[in-house]
Amino acid sequence: MQIGLDATCTQCLATIRRAQLFFRESFKSSFHVEDGLLTNRFAPLIIGQDFGRDPCSVITQMYARGRLLVLEEVIAEDIGLQGHLERNLRPALMKPCYMGLPHLNYW
C-alpha cells in the first residue's frame, strides 16, 4: 500500500507502520491512499528514518503544492541500524524505479 499525505494538513497525518492512524476521525482512505504512485524522475527521493530498536525508513518525494508522497516503507524488527541499512534499505533503493535518483536523508 502506498500512502500520499498532504504535508499542509496537520490533521491528516497517519503512521505507515501497521496502519495505525494518529487522526482516525479525519483520515479518509479514499483521499489519502493511492495505489500505483509513480516516482518523479525530476525530484529527489527523501528518506525519513527512525533509529529505534526496530529501525524504520520511508522513501518519499515532494510533489507540487507541498504534497508529500510516501512511496514505500522499509521496516525491520529486532535488527540494528547497520543490518537494516544493508539488508533492507539499500536493496529497496536499488529497485529500478529509484535507480539514478538523488536522495536526501532525514532522521
Protein backbone atom coordinates (compact mmCIF):
# COMPACT_ATOMS: atom_id res chain seq x y z
CA MET A 1 0.00 0.00 0.00
CA GLN A 2 1.30 3.46 -0.82
CA ILE A 3 0.11 6.49 1.08
CA GLY A 4 0.11 10.07 -0.18
CA LEU A 5 -0.17 12.69 2.55
CA ASP A 6 -0.87 16.36 2.10
CA ALA A 7 2.02 17.98 4.00
CA THR A 8 -0.06 21.12 4.65
CA CYS A 9 -2.80 19.24 6.53
CA THR A 10 -1.63 18.51 10.08
CA GLN A 11 -4.83 16.66 10.96
CA CYS A 12 -4.42 14.12 8.16
CA LEU A 13 -1.17 12.51 9.27
CA ALA A 14 -1.04 8.75 9.61
CA THR A 15 1.68 6.41 10.67
CA ILE A 16 2.67 3.99 7.95
CA ARG A 17 3.61 1.04 10.10
CA ARG A 18 0.74 -1.32 10.86
CA ALA A 19 -1.73 1.27 9.53
CA GLN A 20 -2.18 2.93 12.93
CA LEU A 21 -3.69 6.38 12.46
CA PHE A 22 -2.95 9.43 14.56
CA PHE A 23 -6.15 11.17 13.46
CA ARG A 24 -8.69 8.42 12.89
CA GLU A 25 -11.64 10.78 12.54
CA SER A 26 -10.11 12.89 9.76
CA PHE A 27 -8.19 10.22 7.84
CA LYS A 28 -10.07 9.19 4.70
CA SER A 29 -8.55 6.25 2.86
CA SER A 30 -10.22 7.28 -0.40
CA PHE A 31 -8.50 10.68 -0.16
CA HIS A 32 -5.14 9.83 1.45
CA VAL A 33 -4.27 6.44 -0.08
CA GLU A 34 -3.48 5.91 -3.73
CA ASP A 35 -2.12 2.71 -5.21
CA GLY A 36 0.33 2.79 -8.09
CA LEU A 37 2.16 6.03 -7.33
CA LEU A 38 4.98 6.70 -9.80
CA THR A 39 8.30 8.27 -8.95
CA ASN A 40 9.02 11.70 -10.34
CA ARG A 41 12.29 11.40 -12.28
CA PHE A 42 12.98 15.12 -11.70
CA ALA A 43 12.56 15.20 -7.90
CA PRO A 44 14.92 13.77 -5.29
CA LEU A 45 13.90 10.96 -3.01
CA ILE A 46 13.57 11.97 0.62
CA ILE A 47 14.48 9.18 3.05
CA GLY A 48 13.00 9.52 6.53
CA GLN A 49 14.39 7.27 9.24
CA ASP A 50 13.63 6.15 12.77
CA PHE A 51 16.59 4.58 14.53
CA GLY A 52 14.75 2.87 17.37
CA ARG A 53 15.04 -0.78 18.38
CA ASP A 54 13.09 -1.67 15.26
CA PRO A 55 14.53 0.66 12.59
CA CYS A 56 12.14 2.01 10.00
CA SER A 57 12.61 4.07 6.87
CA VAL A 58 10.20 5.73 4.46
CA ILE A 59 11.01 6.60 0.88
CA THR A 60 9.16 9.75 -0.11
CA GLN A 61 9.06 12.57 -2.67
CA MET A 62 7.66 16.09 -2.53
CA TYR A 63 5.22 16.93 -5.30
CA ALA A 64 3.53 20.11 -6.37
CA ARG A 65 1.83 22.34 -3.81
CA GLY A 66 3.61 20.73 -0.83
CA ARG A 67 2.18 17.26 -1.25
CA LEU A 68 4.37 14.58 0.35
CA LEU A 69 4.06 11.17 -1.30
CA VAL A 70 5.16 8.14 0.70
CA LEU A 71 6.31 5.72 -1.98
CA GLU A 72 7.47 2.88 0.24
CA GLU A 73 8.02 1.94 3.86
CA VAL A 74 11.01 -0.19 4.79
CA ILE A 75 10.69 -1.74 8.23
CA ALA A 76 12.79 -4.08 10.32
CA GLU A 77 12.29 -5.85 13.61
CA ASP A 78 14.92 -6.81 16.17
CA ILE A 79 17.82 -5.71 14.00
CA GLY A 80 20.42 -2.99 14.41
CA LEU A 81 20.74 0.04 12.20
CA GLN A 82 23.67 -1.35 10.21
CA GLY A 83 21.76 -4.57 9.46
CA HIS A 84 18.65 -2.60 8.49
CA LEU A 85 20.63 -0.45 6.06
CA GLU A 86 22.43 -3.42 4.49
CA ARG A 87 19.55 -5.91 4.36
CA ASN A 88 16.51 -3.70 3.89
CA LEU A 89 17.02 -0.06 2.88
CA ARG A 90 19.89 -0.42 0.41
CA PRO A 91 18.12 -3.22 -1.55
CA ALA A 92 14.91 -1.16 -1.59
CA LEU A 93 16.78 1.81 -3.06
CA MET A 94 18.26 -0.44 -5.75
CA LYS A 95 14.84 -1.07 -7.30
CA PRO A 96 14.59 0.16 -10.91
CA CYS A 97 12.03 2.83 -10.00
CA TYR A 98 14.56 4.55 -7.68
CA MET A 99 17.79 3.97 -9.61
CA GLY A 100 19.62 7.14 -10.57
CA LEU A 101 17.52 9.47 -8.43
CA PRO A 102 19.31 11.73 -5.98
CA HIS A 103 18.22 11.34 -2.38
CA LEU A 104 18.15 13.35 0.84
CA ASN A 105 18.36 11.63 4.24
CA TYR A 106 16.45 12.84 7.31
CA TRP A 107 16.33 11.37 10.79
